[in-house]
Structure formats: structure tokens, C-alpha cells
C-alpha atoms as a PDB file:
ATOM      1  CA  MET A   1      32.485 -38.687 -21.032  1.00  0.00           C
ATOM      2  CA  HIS A   2      32.515 -42.154 -19.421  1.00  0.00           C
ATOM      3  CA  GLY A   3      30.593 -40.902 -16.382  1.00  0.00           C
ATOM      4  CA  MET A   4      27.656 -39.839 -18.534  1.00  0.00           C
ATOM      5  CA  ASP A   5      27.326 -43.251 -20.222  1.00  0.00           C
ATOM      6  CA  ILE A   6      25.723 -44.747 -17.125  1.00  0.00           C
ATOM      7  CA  LEU A   7      22.802 -42.332 -17.549  1.00  0.00           C
ATOM      8  CA  TYR A   8      21.795 -44.199 -20.725  1.00  0.00           C
ATOM      9  CA  LEU A   9      21.112 -47.198 -18.471  1.00  0.00           C
ATOM     10  CA  LEU A  10      19.847 -45.510 -15.310  1.00  0.00           C
ATOM     11  CA  ILE A  11      17.240 -43.182 -16.856  1.00  0.00           C
ATOM     12  CA  PRO A  12      15.333 -45.907 -18.774  1.00  0.00           C
ATOM     13  CA  LEU A  13      15.669 -48.257 -15.801  1.00  0.00           C
ATOM     14  CA  SER A  14      14.185 -45.656 -13.461  1.00  0.00           C
ATOM     15  CA  LEU A  15      11.321 -45.002 -15.901  1.00  0.00           C
ATOM     16  CA  VAL A  16      10.538 -48.725 -16.013  1.00  0.00           C
ATOM     17  CA  LEU A  17      10.614 -48.870 -12.214  1.00  0.00           C
ATOM     18  CA  VAL A  18       8.235 -45.898 -11.954  1.00  0.00           C
ATOM     19  CA  PHE A  19       5.877 -47.581 -14.432  1.00  0.00           C
ATOM     20  CA  VAL A  20       5.909 -50.852 -12.454  1.00  0.00           C
ATOM     21  CA  ILE A  21       5.226 -49.059  -9.166  1.00  0.00           C
ATOM     22  CA  ALA A  22       2.393 -47.041 -10.744  1.00  0.00           C
ATOM     23  CA  ALA A  23       0.879 -50.204 -12.229  1.00  0.00           C
ATOM     24  CA  LEU A  24       0.978 -51.985  -8.864  1.00  0.00           C
ATOM     25  CA  PHE A  25      -0.594 -48.983  -7.153  1.00  0.00           C
ATOM     26  CA  TRP A  26      -3.341 -48.824  -9.818  1.00  0.00           C
ATOM     27  CA  TRP A  27      -3.995 -52.560  -9.383  1.00  0.00           C
ATOM     28  CA  SER A  28      -4.283 -52.147  -5.610  1.00  0.00           C
ATOM     29  CA  LEU A  29      -6.797 -49.334  -6.040  1.00  0.00           C
ATOM     30  CA  LYS A  30      -8.904 -51.304  -8.527  1.00  0.00           C
ATOM     31  CA  THR A  31      -8.992 -54.470  -6.397  1.00  0.00           C
ATOM     32  CA  GLY A  32     -10.176 -52.627  -3.278  1.00  0.00           C
ATOM     33  CA  GLN A  33      -7.067 -52.952  -1.154  1.00  0.00           C
ATOM     34  CA  TYR A  34      -7.696 -49.554   0.482  1.00  0.00           C
ATOM     35  CA  GLU A  35     -11.470 -49.808   0.973  1.00  0.00           C
ATOM     36  CA  ASP A  36     -11.574 -50.741   4.663  1.00  0.00           C
ATOM     37  CA  LEU A  37      -8.458 -49.590   6.460  1.00  0.00           C
ATOM     38  CA  GLU A  38      -9.953 -49.475   9.971  1.00  0.00           C
ATOM     39  CA  GLY A  39     -12.051 -52.656   9.913  1.00  0.00           C
ATOM     40  CA  PRO A  40      -9.317 -55.211  10.654  1.00  0.00           C
ATOM     41  CA  GLY A  41      -8.097 -53.172  13.616  1.00  0.00           C
ATOM     42  CA  HIS A  42     -11.597 -52.976  15.075  1.00  0.00           C
ATOM     43  CA  ARG A  43     -12.192 -56.702  14.495  1.00  0.00           C
ATOM     44  CA  ILE A  44      -9.052 -57.560  16.456  1.00  0.00           C
ATOM     45  CA  LEU A  45     -10.119 -55.390  19.389  1.00  0.00           C
ATOM     46  CA  MET A  46     -13.730 -56.587  19.401  1.00  0.00           C
ATOM     47  CA  ASP A  47     -12.925 -60.283  18.843  1.00  0.00           C
ATOM     48  CA  ASP A  48     -14.615 -62.629  21.288  1.00  0.00           C
ATOM     49  CA  ASP A  49     -11.911 -65.089  22.296  1.00  0.00           C
ATOM     50  CA  ARG A  50     -14.439 -67.403  23.921  1.00  0.00           C
ATOM     51  CA  SER A  51     -15.707 -68.495  20.499  1.00  0.00           C
ATOM     52  CA  ASP A  52     -12.401 -70.294  19.867  1.00  0.00           C
ATOM     53  CA  VAL A  53     -12.711 -72.487  22.971  1.00  0.00           C
ATOM     54  CA  PRO A  54     -14.625 -75.740  22.398  1.00  0.00           C
ATOM     55  CA  GLU A  55     -17.763 -76.220  24.470  1.00  0.00           C
ATOM     56  CA  THR A  56     -16.718 -79.606  25.868  1.00  0.00           C
ATOM     57  CA  ARG A  57     -13.318 -80.023  27.400  1.00  0.00           C
ATOM     58  CA  ASN A  58     -11.524 -83.288  27.960  1.00  0.00           C
ATOM     59  CA  THR A  59     -10.724 -83.151  31.656  1.00  0.00           C
ATOM     60  CA  ILE A  60      -9.516 -85.846  33.985  1.00  0.00           C
ATOM     61  CA  ASP A  61     -11.763 -86.622  36.921  1.00  0.00           C
ATOM     62  CA  PRO A  62      -9.560 -86.241  40.026  1.00  0.00           C
ATOM     63  CA  ASP A  63     -11.344 -89.153  41.740  1.00  0.00           C
ATOM     64  CA  GLN A  64     -10.692 -91.623  38.901  1.00  0.00           C
ATOM     65  CA  GLY A  65      -7.264 -90.499  37.706  1.00  0.00           C
ATOM     66  CA  ALA A  66      -6.038 -91.220  34.228  1.00  0.00           C
ATOM     67  CA  THR A  67      -6.958 -94.894  34.042  1.00  0.00           C
ATOM     68  CA  GLU A  68      -7.874 -96.394  30.716  1.00  0.00           C
ATOM     69  CA  GLU A  69     -10.824 -98.749  30.305  1.00  0.00           C
ATOM     70  CA  LYS A  70     -10.343-101.938  28.260  1.00  0.00           C
END
């Protein structure tokens, strides 16, 4: 009979776990987590990396070297 006593703990615990998982799934549906599944993948592929590079670059003129003016 001692082996069956654990069921009094495991069955309610599993029901609570199912309820928590269902509540999280319902929340994710209501907040729009599954609305655009393909968009982020397309944005990564179509991203223009040149927009991250600043227009002006700090380069050293080879004729002047790295001298500092005072």
C-alpha cells in the first residue's frame, strides 16, 4: 500500500503542471507570440549590413602617420 501513497502527491502535482503549461500557452497566443513566425528569418537574410557602418571612418593618412597636433 505504500507504493500507492505517492500517487496522492503526483496526480495533483501533474494537474497543476498541466494547468501552468496551458496558461502559459494561452498567454502566448493572446500576446501574439505566434503571429509572424517567418518574418525574423527573412529580416536576417535581407538585412543590409552596410547600414551599420558609419559614413565617415577615422583613417590614418599614410603620408602623415599617427602624429598628434598640439
